[in-house]
Amino acid sequence: MAISCSNIDTLPEDCVSKILTYTSPLDACNFSMVSSTLHSAANSDTLWRSFLPSDYEDIISRTLNPLTLQSSSSYRHLFFSLCQQPLLLDRGHISFKLDKYSGKKTYILSARELSITWSNDPLYWSWRASPESRFAEVAEVRTVSWLEIKGKMRTHILTPNTTYVVYLITKVSHRVYGLDSAPAEVSVAMANKVQNGMAYLYNKYEDTMFYENHRKMERNKLMEDNKEIRVPSKRDDGWMEIELGEFFCGEVDMEVKMSVMEVGYRLKGGLIVEGIEVRPK
């Protein structure tokens, strides 16, 4: 039997708060506008503490300025602080943020946290600051024929029982070349489950007849192997993202491996890599 608003108003506030812990942050905000009893319960520390990740204290301790968050006036304020501005963790090499609707975790591994073939050789890659990036450095391809980017993450730091999607975050410089010659191989692997795909790292000439004919030939070839070609899409922060694949994060801690590889021996350059994002689907 469903409980009406009048029934809920007769319950103690701590009991209502406990009931609301089985909802979501978005639901709690909506319930707070129903009645005075729900408003008080929906803003209680008990409720908003339940929406924070269980390891939130460890996450805060790893930020560049943990005291700013530790002085939050309430758990509700802390929750929305973690949703609004991404936190830089572990010497600024990892970005963390909560989804304000669900409370689920999102992480971005910076380029420095990734394994990039030949990235320490200045003939092939350069490391520099970018005013558009959340990180201190980004990596830019000077010229390579072998492009290989890998990342890995343990699932215990993510929100359990959640499907996550993995994205490579990029831009291109004014000297970009060779990135649209052929699609790269992308993959996400966890245990014995491997999800493979193909993706173009750049699509400047997508509207030209030449590029469309080239893409059709590549697409027809890949369709024989039942593979879809993905293309970069624009993000709200001004960067581009390329989907690498997805995985389900369960209760058991496992390692997730992500990779991007284009080894067609065509020279290419101008790709700027900010990092790899792992966010809830």
C-alpha atoms as a PDB file:
ATOM      1  CA  MET A   1       0.000   0.000   0.000  1.00  0.00           C
ATOM      2  CA  ALA A   2       1.414   3.373  -1.015  1.00  0.00           C
ATOM      3  CA  ILE A   3       2.120   5.954   1.668  1.00  0.00           C
ATOM      4  CA  SER A   4       0.448   9.305   1.034  1.00  0.00           C
ATOM      5  CA  CYS A   5       1.971  12.673   1.861  1.00  0.00           C
ATOM      6  CA  SER A   6      -0.305  12.986   4.941  1.00  0.00           C
ATOM      7  CA  ASN A   7       0.915   9.585   6.185  1.00  0.00           C
ATOM      8  CA  ILE A   8       4.556  10.626   5.823  1.00  0.00           C
ATOM      9  CA  ASP A   9       3.938  13.885   7.683  1.00  0.00           C
ATOM     10  CA  THR A  10       2.968  11.893  10.773  1.00  0.00           C
ATOM     11  CA  LEU A  11       6.274  10.004  10.860  1.00  0.00           C
ATOM     12  CA  PRO A  12       9.306  11.170  12.895  1.00  0.00           C
ATOM     13  CA  GLU A  13      11.822  13.193  10.879  1.00  0.00           C
ATOM     14  CA  ASP A  14      14.636  10.671  11.314  1.00  0.00           C
ATOM     15  CA  CYS A  15      12.349   7.929  10.001  1.00  0.00           C
ATOM     16  CA  VAL A  16      11.467  10.021   6.922  1.00  0.00           C
ATOM     17  CA  SER A  17      15.171  10.732   6.354  1.00  0.00           C
ATOM     18  CA  LYS A  18      15.880   7.002   6.495  1.00  0.00           C
ATOM     19  CA  ILE A  19      13.169   6.352   3.881  1.00  0.00           C
ATOM     20  CA  LEU A  20      14.634   9.032   1.606  1.00  0.00           C
ATOM     21  CA  THR A  21      18.074   7.374   1.703  1.00  0.00           C
ATOM     22  CA  TYR A  22      16.612   4.769  -0.678  1.00  0.00           C
ATOM     23  CA  THR A  23      15.922   7.487  -3.261  1.00  0.00           C
ATOM     24  CA  SER A  24      18.391   9.755  -5.086  1.00  0.00           C
ATOM     25  CA  PRO A  25      19.741  13.297  -4.565  1.00  0.00           C
ATOM     26  CA  LEU A  26      17.371  14.514  -7.283  1.00  0.00           C
ATOM     27  CA  ASP A  27      14.392  12.856  -5.579  1.00  0.00           C
ATOM     28  CA  ALA A  28      15.389  14.335  -2.223  1.00  0.00           C
ATOM     29  CA  CYS A  29      15.443  17.852  -3.687  1.00  0.00           C
ATOM     30  CA  ASN A  30      11.995  17.289  -5.201  1.00  0.00           C
ATOM     31  CA  PHE A  31      10.569  15.865  -1.947  1.00  0.00           C
ATOM     32  CA  SER A  32      11.848  18.905  -0.019  1.00  0.00           C
ATOM     33  CA  MET A  33       9.238  21.049  -1.794  1.00  0.00           C
ATOM     34  CA  VAL A  34       6.253  18.835  -0.871  1.00  0.00           C
ATOM     35  CA  SER A  35       5.749  19.701   2.805  1.00  0.00           C
ATOM     36  CA  SER A  36       7.533  21.197   5.802  1.00  0.00           C
ATOM     37  CA  THR A  37       8.178  17.739   7.260  1.00  0.00           C
ATOM     38  CA  LEU A  38       9.725  16.466   4.035  1.00  0.00           C
ATOM     39  CA  HIS A  39      11.667  19.696   3.616  1.00  0.00           C
ATOM     40  CA  SER A  40      13.349  19.230   6.987  1.00  0.00           C
ATOM     41  CA  ALA A  41      14.004  15.521   6.439  1.00  0.00           C
ATOM     42  CA  ALA A  42      15.266  16.056   2.887  1.00  0.00           C
ATOM     43  CA  ASN A  43      17.889  18.516   4.152  1.00  0.00           C
ATOM     44  CA  SER A  44      19.061  16.454   7.107  1.00  0.00           C
ATOM     45  CA  ASP A  45      22.705  15.520   7.566  1.00  0.00           C
ATOM     46  CA  THR A  46      21.666  11.877   7.929  1.00  0.00           C
ATOM     47  CA  LEU A  47      20.233  11.825   4.425  1.00  0.00           C
ATOM     48  CA  TRP A  48      23.019  13.695   2.634  1.00  0.00           C
ATOM     49  CA  ARG A  49      25.697  11.699   4.419  1.00  0.00           C
ATOM     50  CA  SER A  50      24.141   8.587   2.833  1.00  0.00           C
ATOM     51  CA  PHE A  51      24.468  10.126  -0.650  1.00  0.00           C
ATOM     52  CA  LEU A  52      28.209  10.683  -0.231  1.00  0.00           C
ATOM     53  CA  PRO A  53      30.533   7.851  -1.314  1.00  0.00           C
ATOM     54  CA  SER A  54      31.720   5.655   1.538  1.00  0.00           C
ATOM     55  CA  ASP A  55      35.344   6.710   0.893  1.00  0.00           C
ATOM     56  CA  TYR A  56      34.649  10.452   0.696  1.00  0.00           C
ATOM     57  CA  GLU A  57      37.069  11.226   3.559  1.00  0.00           C
ATOM     58  CA  ASP A  58      39.917   9.478   1.734  1.00  0.00           C
ATOM     59  CA  ILE A  59      39.037  11.322  -1.485  1.00  0.00           C
ATOM     60  CA  ILE A  60      39.065  14.693   0.300  1.00  0.00           C
ATOM     61  CA  SER A  61      42.416  13.910   1.947  1.00  0.00           C
ATOM     62  CA  ARG A  62      43.967  13.389  -1.506  1.00  0.00           C
ATOM     63  CA  THR A  63      42.896  16.777  -2.919  1.00  0.00           C
ATOM     64  CA  LEU A  64      45.346  19.612  -3.457  1.00  0.00           C
ATOM     65  CA  ASN A  65      43.496  21.717  -0.841  1.00  0.00           C
ATOM     66  CA  PRO A  66      41.556  19.370   1.482  1.00  0.00           C
ATOM     67  CA  LEU A  67      40.894  22.010   4.162  1.00  0.00           C
ATOM     68  CA  THR A  68      38.467  23.851   1.871  1.00  0.00           C
ATOM     69  CA  LEU A  69      36.120  20.854   1.815  1.00  0.00           C
ATOM     70  CA  GLN A  70      36.711  19.673   5.381  1.00  0.00           C
ATOM     71  CA  SER A  71      35.286  22.971   6.631  1.00  0.00           C
ATOM     72  CA  SER A  72      31.933  22.436   4.838  1.00  0.00           C
ATOM     73  CA  SER A  73      29.010  23.456   7.043  1.00  0.00           C
ATOM     74  CA  SER A  74      26.878  20.362   6.287  1.00  0.00           C
ATOM     75  CA  TYR A  75      26.904  17.080   4.373  1.00  0.00           C
ATOM     76  CA  ARG A  76      24.451  18.596   1.900  1.00  0.00           C
ATOM     77  CA  HIS A  77      26.870  21.465   1.244  1.00  0.00           C
ATOM     78  CA  LEU A  78      29.755  19.012   0.931  1.00  0.00           C
ATOM     79  CA  PHE A  79      27.794  16.864  -1.528  1.00  0.00           C
ATOM     80  CA  PHE A  80      27.085  19.764  -3.870  1.00  0.00           C
ATOM     81  CA  SER A  81      30.650  21.030  -3.508  1.00  0.00           C
ATOM     82  CA  LEU A  82      31.831  17.678  -4.859  1.00  0.00           C
ATOM     83  CA  CYS A  83      29.361  18.003  -7.745  1.00  0.00           C
ATOM     84  CA  GLN A  84      30.117  21.558  -8.839  1.00  0.00           C
ATOM     85  CA  GLN A  85      33.872  21.795  -9.283  1.00  0.00           C
ATOM     86  CA  PRO A  86      36.028  18.776 -10.178  1.00  0.00           C
ATOM     87  CA  LEU A  87      38.629  18.001  -7.524  1.00  0.00           C
ATOM     88  CA  LEU A  88      42.246  17.380  -8.461  1.00  0.00           C
ATOM     89  CA  LEU A  89      43.638  14.382  -6.583  1.00  0.00           C
ATOM     90  CA  ASP A  90      47.062  12.757  -6.221  1.00  0.00           C
ATOM     91  CA  ARG A  91      49.343  15.710  -7.047  1.00  0.00           C
ATOM     92  CA  GLY A  92      46.786  16.983  -9.539  1.00  0.00           C
ATOM     93  CA  HIS A  93      47.034  13.984 -11.882  1.00  0.00           C
ATOM     94  CA  ILE A  94      43.451  12.712 -11.379  1.00  0.00           C
ATOM     95  CA  SER A  95      40.141  14.593 -11.515  1.00  0.00           C
ATOM     96  CA  PHE A  96      37.138  13.537  -9.400  1.00  0.00           C
ATOM     97  CA  LYS A  97      33.515  14.632  -9.460  1.00  0.00           C
ATOM     98  CA  LEU A  98      30.099  13.434  -8.260  1.00  0.00           C
ATOM     99  CA  ASP A  99      26.994  13.381 -10.449  1.00  0.00           C
ATOM    100  CA  LYS A 100      24.507  15.750  -8.798  1.00  0.00           C
ATOM    101  CA  TYR A 101      21.491  13.683  -9.871  1.00  0.00           C
ATOM    102  CA  SER A 102      22.662  10.231  -8.818  1.00  0.00           C
ATOM    103  CA  GLY A 103      25.682  10.788  -6.552  1.00  0.00           C
ATOM    104  CA  LYS A 104      27.786   8.420  -8.685  1.00  0.00           C
ATOM    105  CA  LYS A 105      31.513   8.957  -9.167  1.00  0.00           C
ATOM    106  CA  THR A 106      33.339  10.187 -12.258  1.00  0.00           C
ATOM    107  CA  TYR A 107      37.125  10.085 -12.637  1.00  0.00           C
ATOM    108  CA  ILE A 108      39.463  11.505 -15.276  1.00  0.00           C
ATOM    109  CA  LEU A 109      42.997  10.144 -15.545  1.00  0.00           C
ATOM    110  CA  SER A 110      45.287  12.901 -16.813  1.00  0.00           C
ATOM    111  CA  ALA A 111      47.705  12.291 -19.662  1.00  0.00           C
ATOM    112  CA  ARG A 112      50.453  11.932 -17.016  1.00  0.00           C
ATOM    113  CA  GLU A 113      48.533   8.995 -15.507  1.00  0.00           C
ATOM    114  CA  LEU A 114      48.426   7.191 -18.861  1.00  0.00           C
ATOM    115  CA  SER A 115      50.975   5.019 -20.617  1.00  0.00           C
ATOM    116  CA  ILE A 116      51.727   6.727 -23.948  1.00  0.00           C
ATOM    117  CA  THR A 117      54.265   5.114 -26.254  1.00  0.00           C
ATOM    118  CA  TRP A 118      57.313   7.370 -26.852  1.00  0.00           C
ATOM    119  CA  SER A 119      55.761  10.190 -24.801  1.00  0.00           C
ATOM    120  CA  ASN A 120      59.093  10.885 -23.088  1.00  0.00           C
ATOM    121  CA  ASP A 121      60.873  11.439 -26.400  1.00  0.00           C
ATOM    122  CA  PRO A 122      60.587  15.142 -27.431  1.00  0.00           C
ATOM    123  CA  LEU A 123      60.972  14.160 -31.075  1.00  0.00           C
ATOM    124  CA  TYR A 124      57.561  12.467 -30.949  1.00  0.00           C
ATOM    125  CA  TRP A 125      55.572  14.084 -28.125  1.00  0.00           C
ATOM    126  CA  SER A 126      55.604  17.381 -26.257  1.00  0.00           C
ATOM    127  CA  TRP A 127      54.279  18.135 -22.774  1.00  0.00           C
ATOM    128  CA  ARG A 128      52.921  21.604 -22.144  1.00  0.00           C
ATOM    129  CA  ALA A 129      50.445  23.637 -20.144  1.00  0.00           C
ATOM    130  CA  SER A 130      47.037  24.381 -21.661  1.00  0.00           C
ATOM    131  CA  PRO A 131      44.765  27.131 -20.263  1.00  0.00           C
ATOM    132  CA  GLU A 132      41.714  25.085 -21.320  1.00  0.00           C
ATOM    133  CA  SER A 133      42.766  21.982 -19.381  1.00  0.00           C
ATOM    134  CA  ARG A 134      41.914  21.118 -15.781  1.00  0.00           C
ATOM    135  CA  PHE A 135      45.380  19.559 -15.466  1.00  0.00           C
ATOM    136  CA  ALA A 136      48.792  21.222 -15.310  1.00  0.00           C
ATOM    137  CA  GLU A 137      49.971  19.462 -18.480  1.00  0.00           C
ATOM    138  CA  VAL A 138      48.623  17.919 -21.657  1.00  0.00           C
ATOM    139  CA  ALA A 139      50.452  15.745 -24.184  1.00  0.00           C
ATOM    140  CA  GLU A 140      50.649  16.687 -27.873  1.00  0.00           C
ATOM    141  CA  VAL A 141      51.767  14.457 -30.724  1.00  0.00           C
ATOM    142  CA  ARG A 142      54.569  16.053 -32.737  1.00  0.00           C
ATOM    143  CA  THR A 143      54.907  13.293 -35.304  1.00  0.00           C
ATOM    144  CA  VAL A 144      54.507   9.539 -34.879  1.00  0.00           C
ATOM    145  CA  SER A 145      53.681   6.541 -36.999  1.00  0.00           C
ATOM    146  CA  TRP A 146      52.823   4.382 -33.968  1.00  0.00           C
ATOM    147  CA  LEU A 147      50.142   5.877 -31.712  1.00  0.00           C
ATOM    148  CA  GLU A 148      49.390   3.912 -28.546  1.00  0.00           C
ATOM    149  CA  ILE A 149      47.663   5.224 -25.406  1.00  0.00           C
ATOM    150  CA  LYS A 150      46.788   2.998 -22.451  1.00  0.00           C
ATOM    151  CA  GLY A 151      45.171   3.525 -19.051  1.00  0.00           C
ATOM    152  CA  LYS A 152      44.049   1.353 -16.164  1.00  0.00           C
ATOM    153  CA  MET A 153      41.910   1.693 -13.041  1.00  0.00           C
ATOM    154  CA  ARG A 154      40.712  -0.443 -10.128  1.00  0.00           C
ATOM    155  CA  THR A 155      36.921  -0.673  -9.870  1.00  0.00           C
ATOM    156  CA  HIS A 156      36.826  -0.376  -6.048  1.00  0.00           C
ATOM    157  CA  ILE A 157      37.183   3.415  -6.402  1.00  0.00           C
ATOM    158  CA  LEU A 158      34.047   3.597  -8.583  1.00  0.00           C
ATOM    159  CA  THR A 159      30.347   3.392  -7.679  1.00  0.00           C
ATOM    160  CA  PRO A 160      29.346  -0.289  -7.461  1.00  0.00           C
ATOM    161  CA  ASN A 161      26.528  -1.824  -9.521  1.00  0.00           C
ATOM    162  CA  THR A 162      26.925   0.866 -12.161  1.00  0.00           C
ATOM    163  CA  THR A 163      27.607   0.760 -15.911  1.00  0.00           C
ATOM    164  CA  TYR A 164      30.508   3.056 -16.825  1.00  0.00           C
ATOM    165  CA  VAL A 165      31.537   4.450 -20.206  1.00  0.00           C
ATOM    166  CA  VAL A 166      35.177   5.267 -21.033  1.00  0.00           C
ATOM    167  CA  TYR A 167      36.169   8.292 -23.160  1.00  0.00           C
ATOM    168  CA  LEU A 168      39.442   9.647 -24.526  1.00  0.00           C
ATOM    169  CA  ILE A 169      39.452  13.462 -24.097  1.00  0.00           C
ATOM    170  CA  THR A 170      41.294  15.293 -26.878  1.00  0.00           C
ATOM    171  CA  LYS A 171      41.724  18.386 -29.000  1.00  0.00           C
ATOM    172  CA  VAL A 172      43.792  19.063 -32.101  1.00  0.00           C
ATOM    173  CA  SER A 173      46.314  21.811 -32.789  1.00  0.00           C
ATOM    174  CA  HIS A 174      46.497  23.996 -35.899  1.00  0.00           C
ATOM    175  CA  ARG A 175      49.179  21.643 -37.282  1.00  0.00           C
ATOM    176  CA  VAL A 176      47.018  18.514 -37.187  1.00  0.00           C
ATOM    177  CA  TYR A 177      47.645  15.953 -39.935  1.00  0.00           C
ATOM    178  CA  GLY A 178      47.251  12.236 -40.604  1.00  0.00           C
ATOM    179  CA  LEU A 179      44.685  11.557 -37.886  1.00  0.00           C
ATOM    180  CA  ASP A 180      41.830  11.059 -40.342  1.00  0.00           C
ATOM    181  CA  SER A 181      43.710   8.637 -42.598  1.00  0.00           C
ATOM    182  CA  ALA A 182      42.428   5.546 -40.821  1.00  0.00           C
ATOM    183  CA  PRO A 183      40.404   4.730 -37.693  1.00  0.00           C
ATOM    184  CA  ALA A 184      42.180   3.695 -34.503  1.00  0.00           C
ATOM    185  CA  GLU A 185      41.513   0.519 -32.579  1.00  0.00           C
ATOM    186  CA  VAL A 186      39.924   1.192 -29.186  1.00  0.00           C
ATOM    187  CA  SER A 187      39.193  -1.237 -26.380  1.00  0.00           C
ATOM    188  CA  VAL A 188      38.015  -1.604 -22.784  1.00  0.00           C
ATOM    189  CA  ALA A 189      38.904  -4.847 -20.987  1.00  0.00           C
ATOM    190  CA  MET A 190      38.024  -6.264 -17.577  1.00  0.00           C
ATOM    191  CA  ALA A 191      38.998  -9.812 -16.616  1.00  0.00           C
ATOM    192  CA  ASN A 192      38.138 -12.000 -19.623  1.00  0.00           C
ATOM    193  CA  LYS A 193      35.662  -9.497 -21.081  1.00  0.00           C
ATOM    194  CA  VAL A 194      37.097  -7.352 -23.856  1.00  0.00           C
ATOM    195  CA  GLN A 195      35.103  -4.771 -25.808  1.00  0.00           C
ATOM    196  CA  ASN A 196      36.776  -3.726 -29.058  1.00  0.00           C
ATOM    197  CA  GLY A 197      35.849  -0.958 -31.468  1.00  0.00           C
ATOM    198  CA  MET A 198      37.120   1.472 -34.088  1.00  0.00           C
ATOM    199  CA  ALA A 199      37.189   5.272 -33.905  1.00  0.00           C
ATOM    200  CA  TYR A 200      38.437   8.220 -35.906  1.00  0.00           C
ATOM    201  CA  LEU A 201      40.562  10.545 -33.781  1.00  0.00           C
ATOM    202  CA  TYR A 202      39.706  13.554 -35.956  1.00  0.00           C
ATOM    203  CA  ASN A 203      36.960  14.385 -38.470  1.00  0.00           C
ATOM    204  CA  LYS A 204      37.651  17.868 -39.850  1.00  0.00           C
ATOM    205  CA  TYR A 205      36.792  16.860 -43.427  1.00  0.00           C
ATOM    206  CA  GLU A 206      33.660  14.930 -42.571  1.00  0.00           C
ATOM    207  CA  ASP A 207      31.500  17.016 -44.939  1.00  0.00           C
ATOM    208  CA  THR A 208      33.714  16.766 -48.021  1.00  0.00           C
ATOM    209  CA  MET A 209      33.030  14.301 -50.816  1.00  0.00           C
ATOM    210  CA  PHE A 210      36.582  12.937 -50.672  1.00  0.00           C
ATOM    211  CA  TYR A 211      36.393  12.229 -46.970  1.00  0.00           C
ATOM    212  CA  GLU A 212      32.925  10.695 -47.269  1.00  0.00           C
ATOM    213  CA  ASN A 213      34.116   8.326 -50.027  1.00  0.00           C
ATOM    214  CA  HIS A 214      37.129   7.413 -47.925  1.00  0.00           C
ATOM    215  CA  ARG A 215      34.918   6.842 -44.885  1.00  0.00           C
ATOM    216  CA  LYS A 216      32.494   4.701 -46.909  1.00  0.00           C
ATOM    217  CA  MET A 217      35.307   2.416 -48.016  1.00  0.00           C
ATOM    218  CA  GLU A 218      36.575   2.079 -44.447  1.00  0.00           C
ATOM    219  CA  ARG A 219      33.021   1.604 -43.143  1.00  0.00           C
ATOM    220  CA  ASN A 220      32.227  -1.112 -45.674  1.00  0.00           C
ATOM    221  CA  LYS A 221      35.437  -2.909 -44.781  1.00  0.00           C
ATOM    222  CA  LEU A 222      34.653  -2.731 -41.062  1.00  0.00           C
ATOM    223  CA  MET A 223      31.026  -3.733 -41.509  1.00  0.00           C
ATOM    224  CA  GLU A 224      32.289  -7.080 -42.743  1.00  0.00           C
ATOM    225  CA  ASP A 225      33.758  -7.529 -39.262  1.00  0.00           C
ATOM    226  CA  ASN A 226      30.613  -6.089 -37.604  1.00  0.00           C
ATOM    227  CA  LYS A 227      32.534  -3.083 -36.272  1.00  0.00           C
ATOM    228  CA  GLU A 228      31.126   0.429 -35.958  1.00  0.00           C
ATOM    229  CA  ILE A 229      33.333   3.472 -36.546  1.00  0.00           C
ATOM    230  CA  ARG A 230      33.006   6.077 -33.796  1.00  0.00           C
ATOM    231  CA  VAL A 231      33.829   9.758 -34.218  1.00  0.00           C
ATOM    232  CA  PRO A 232      34.751  12.516 -31.731  1.00  0.00           C
ATOM    233  CA  SER A 233      31.923  14.563 -30.197  1.00  0.00           C
ATOM    234  CA  LYS A 234      32.083  17.933 -28.455  1.00  0.00           C
ATOM    235  CA  ARG A 235      31.915  18.175 -24.673  1.00  0.00           C
ATOM    236  CA  ASP A 236      30.437  20.954 -22.551  1.00  0.00           C
ATOM    237  CA  ASP A 237      33.952  21.908 -21.413  1.00  0.00           C
ATOM    238  CA  GLY A 238      35.085  22.617 -24.987  1.00  0.00           C
ATOM    239  CA  TRP A 239      37.136  19.443 -25.459  1.00  0.00           C
ATOM    240  CA  MET A 240      36.274  16.511 -27.708  1.00  0.00           C
ATOM    241  CA  GLU A 241      35.617  12.986 -26.506  1.00  0.00           C
ATOM    242  CA  ILE A 242      35.864   9.621 -28.223  1.00  0.00           C
ATOM    243  CA  GLU A 243      34.053   6.634 -26.729  1.00  0.00           C
ATOM    244  CA  LEU A 244      36.368   3.690 -26.119  1.00  0.00           C
ATOM    245  CA  GLY A 245      33.798   1.283 -24.667  1.00  0.00           C
ATOM    246  CA  GLU A 246      31.894   0.490 -21.488  1.00  0.00           C
ATOM    247  CA  PHE A 247      31.895  -1.958 -18.583  1.00  0.00           C
ATOM    248  CA  PHE A 248      29.788  -2.907 -15.589  1.00  0.00           C
ATOM    249  CA  CYS A 249      31.280  -2.165 -12.168  1.00  0.00           C
ATOM    250  CA  GLY A 250      30.085  -4.807  -9.707  1.00  0.00           C
ATOM    251  CA  GLU A 251      30.831  -5.439  -6.041  1.00  0.00           C
ATOM    252  CA  VAL A 252      34.158  -7.265  -6.606  1.00  0.00           C
ATOM    253  CA  ASP A 253      37.284  -5.165  -7.139  1.00  0.00           C
ATOM    254  CA  MET A 254      38.795  -5.690 -10.595  1.00  0.00           C
ATOM    255  CA  GLU A 255      41.184  -3.920 -12.939  1.00  0.00           C
ATOM    256  CA  VAL A 256      39.843  -2.144 -16.031  1.00  0.00           C
ATOM    257  CA  LYS A 257      42.220  -1.541 -18.946  1.00  0.00           C
ATOM    258  CA  MET A 258      41.562   1.009 -21.709  1.00  0.00           C
ATOM    259  CA  SER A 259      43.532   1.523 -24.891  1.00  0.00           C
ATOM    260  CA  VAL A 260      43.725   3.466 -28.154  1.00  0.00           C
ATOM    261  CA  MET A 261      46.022   2.253 -30.929  1.00  0.00           C
ATOM    262  CA  GLU A 262      46.662   3.377 -34.511  1.00  0.00           C
ATOM    263  CA  VAL A 263      49.675   1.606 -35.981  1.00  0.00           C
ATOM    264  CA  GLY A 264      49.095   1.921 -39.717  1.00  0.00           C
ATOM    265  CA  TYR A 265      52.568   3.489 -40.030  1.00  0.00           C
ATOM    266  CA  ARG A 266      51.086   6.694 -41.471  1.00  0.00           C
ATOM    267  CA  LEU A 267      52.719   9.813 -40.052  1.00  0.00           C
ATOM    268  CA  LYS A 268      50.344  11.805 -37.860  1.00  0.00           C
ATOM    269  CA  GLY A 269      50.559  14.756 -35.503  1.00  0.00           C
ATOM    270  CA  GLY A 270      48.672  17.525 -33.766  1.00  0.00           C
ATOM    271  CA  LEU A 271      46.572  15.381 -31.425  1.00  0.00           C
ATOM    272  CA  ILE A 272      46.354  16.872 -27.913  1.00  0.00           C
ATOM    273  CA  VAL A 273      45.525  14.392 -25.157  1.00  0.00           C
ATOM    274  CA  GLU A 274      44.076  15.640 -21.867  1.00  0.00           C
ATOM    275  CA  GLY A 275      43.198  12.251 -20.412  1.00  0.00           C
ATOM    276  CA  ILE A 276      40.732   9.372 -20.173  1.00  0.00           C
ATOM    277  CA  GLU A 277      37.382   9.805 -18.423  1.00  0.00           C
ATOM    278  CA  VAL A 278      35.400   7.033 -16.740  1.00  0.00           C
ATOM    279  CA  ARG A 279      31.849   8.204 -16.032  1.00  0.00           C
ATOM    280  CA  PRO A 280      28.452   6.615 -15.290  1.00  0.00           C
ATOM    281  CA  LYS A 281      26.321   5.764 -18.305  1.00  0.00           C
END
